[in-house]
């Protein structure tokens, strides 16, 4: 029972960690795109 609980917590942490990485990567891409747009406009 305890082993299943620990496995569920570890899996949940892994999923949340991967989601956070994708979110940060997406924000970085958005900022880069905005910077490129500003560079093209000037």
N, C-alpha and C. Protein backbone atom coordinates (compact mmCIF):
# COMPACT_ATOMS: atom_id res chain seq x y z
N UNK A 1 0.82 -1.19 0.00
CA UNK A 1 0.00 0.00 0.00
C UNK A 1 0.87 1.26 0.00
N UNK A 2 1.85 1.30 0.88
CA UNK A 2 2.75 2.45 0.96
C UNK A 2 3.57 2.57 -0.32
N UNK A 3 3.95 1.43 -0.88
CA UNK A 3 4.74 1.44 -2.12
C UNK A 3 3.94 2.06 -3.26
N UNK A 4 2.67 1.74 -3.36
CA UNK A 4 1.81 2.32 -4.41
C UNK A 4 1.66 3.82 -4.21
N UNK A 5 1.53 4.25 -2.97
CA UNK A 5 1.38 5.67 -2.66
C UNK A 5 2.63 6.44 -3.09
N UNK A 6 3.80 5.90 -2.77
CA UNK A 6 5.06 6.54 -3.15
C UNK A 6 5.21 6.57 -4.67
N UNK A 7 4.81 5.50 -5.34
CA UNK A 7 4.87 5.45 -6.80
C UNK A 7 3.97 6.50 -7.43
N UNK A 8 2.76 6.66 -6.89
CA UNK A 8 1.84 7.67 -7.40
C UNK A 8 2.40 9.07 -7.19
N UNK A 9 2.97 9.34 -6.03
CA UNK A 9 3.56 10.65 -5.77
C UNK A 9 4.74 10.93 -6.71
N UNK A 10 5.58 9.94 -6.92
CA UNK A 10 6.74 10.11 -7.79
C UNK A 10 6.29 10.36 -9.24
N UNK A 11 5.29 9.61 -9.68
CA UNK A 11 4.78 9.78 -11.03
C UNK A 11 4.14 11.16 -11.20
N UNK A 12 3.38 11.58 -10.21
CA UNK A 12 2.77 12.91 -10.26
C UNK A 12 3.80 14.02 -10.30
N UNK A 13 4.85 13.87 -9.52
CA UNK A 13 5.93 14.86 -9.53
C UNK A 13 6.64 14.92 -10.87
N UNK A 14 6.85 13.76 -11.47
CA UNK A 14 7.49 13.70 -12.78
C UNK A 14 6.64 14.38 -13.85
N UNK A 15 5.35 14.11 -13.82
CA UNK A 15 4.43 14.72 -14.79
C UNK A 15 4.41 16.24 -14.62
N UNK A 16 4.30 16.70 -13.39
CA UNK A 16 4.28 18.15 -13.16
C UNK A 16 5.60 18.79 -13.55
N UNK A 17 6.70 18.11 -13.30
CA UNK A 17 8.01 18.63 -13.68
C UNK A 17 8.14 18.78 -15.19
N UNK A 18 7.66 17.80 -15.92
CA UNK A 18 7.72 17.87 -17.39
C UNK A 18 6.81 18.98 -17.91
N UNK A 19 5.66 19.15 -17.31
CA UNK A 19 4.74 20.20 -17.74
C UNK A 19 5.35 21.57 -17.50
N UNK A 20 6.04 21.73 -16.40
CA UNK A 20 6.68 23.01 -16.10
C UNK A 20 7.78 23.31 -17.11
N UNK A 21 8.55 22.31 -17.49
CA UNK A 21 9.62 22.51 -18.48
C UNK A 21 9.03 22.96 -19.81
N UNK A 22 7.94 22.34 -20.22
CA UNK A 22 7.31 22.71 -21.48
C UNK A 22 6.77 24.13 -21.42
N UNK A 23 6.25 24.53 -20.29
CA UNK A 23 5.72 25.87 -20.14
C UNK A 23 6.83 26.91 -20.24
N UNK A 24 7.93 26.67 -19.57
CA UNK A 24 9.06 27.60 -19.61
C UNK A 24 9.63 27.67 -21.01
N UNK A 25 9.73 26.55 -21.68
CA UNK A 25 10.24 26.52 -23.05
C UNK A 25 9.31 27.33 -23.96
N UNK A 26 8.01 27.18 -23.78
CA UNK A 26 7.04 27.92 -24.59
C UNK A 26 7.15 29.42 -24.37
N UNK A 27 7.34 29.82 -23.14
CA UNK A 27 7.49 31.25 -22.83
C UNK A 27 8.76 31.78 -23.50
N UNK A 28 9.82 31.03 -23.46
CA UNK A 28 11.07 31.44 -24.10
C UNK A 28 10.89 31.60 -25.61
N UNK A 29 10.16 30.69 -26.22
CA UNK A 29 9.91 30.78 -27.66
C UNK A 29 9.05 32.00 -27.98
N UNK A 30 8.06 32.28 -27.14
CA UNK A 30 7.22 33.45 -27.36
C UNK A 30 8.03 34.74 -27.25
N UNK A 31 8.90 34.82 -26.26
CA UNK A 31 9.74 36.01 -26.11
C UNK A 31 10.69 36.17 -27.29
N UNK A 32 11.23 35.08 -27.76
CA UNK A 32 12.13 35.14 -28.91
C UNK A 32 11.38 35.60 -30.15
N UNK A 33 10.18 35.09 -30.33
CA UNK A 33 9.36 35.50 -31.46
C UNK A 33 9.03 36.99 -31.40
N UNK A 34 8.68 37.47 -30.22
CA UNK A 34 8.38 38.90 -30.05
C UNK A 34 9.61 39.75 -30.34
N UNK A 35 10.77 39.32 -29.89
CA UNK A 35 12.01 40.05 -30.14
C UNK A 35 12.33 40.10 -31.63
N UNK A 36 12.12 38.99 -32.32
CA UNK A 36 12.35 38.96 -33.76
C UNK A 36 11.40 39.89 -34.49
N UNK A 37 10.16 39.96 -34.04
CA UNK A 37 9.18 40.85 -34.66
C UNK A 37 9.58 42.30 -34.48
N UNK A 38 10.06 42.65 -33.29
CA UNK A 38 10.51 44.02 -33.03
C UNK A 38 11.73 44.34 -33.88
N UNK A 39 12.65 43.39 -34.02
CA UNK A 39 13.84 43.60 -34.84
C UNK A 39 13.46 43.85 -36.30
N UNK A 40 12.49 43.11 -36.81
CA UNK A 40 12.06 43.27 -38.20
C UNK A 40 11.37 44.63 -38.39
N UNK A 41 10.68 45.11 -37.38
CA UNK A 41 9.93 46.36 -37.49
C UNK A 41 10.85 47.57 -37.46
N UNK A 42 12.04 47.45 -36.89
CA UNK A 42 12.94 48.61 -36.78
C UNK A 42 13.97 48.61 -37.87
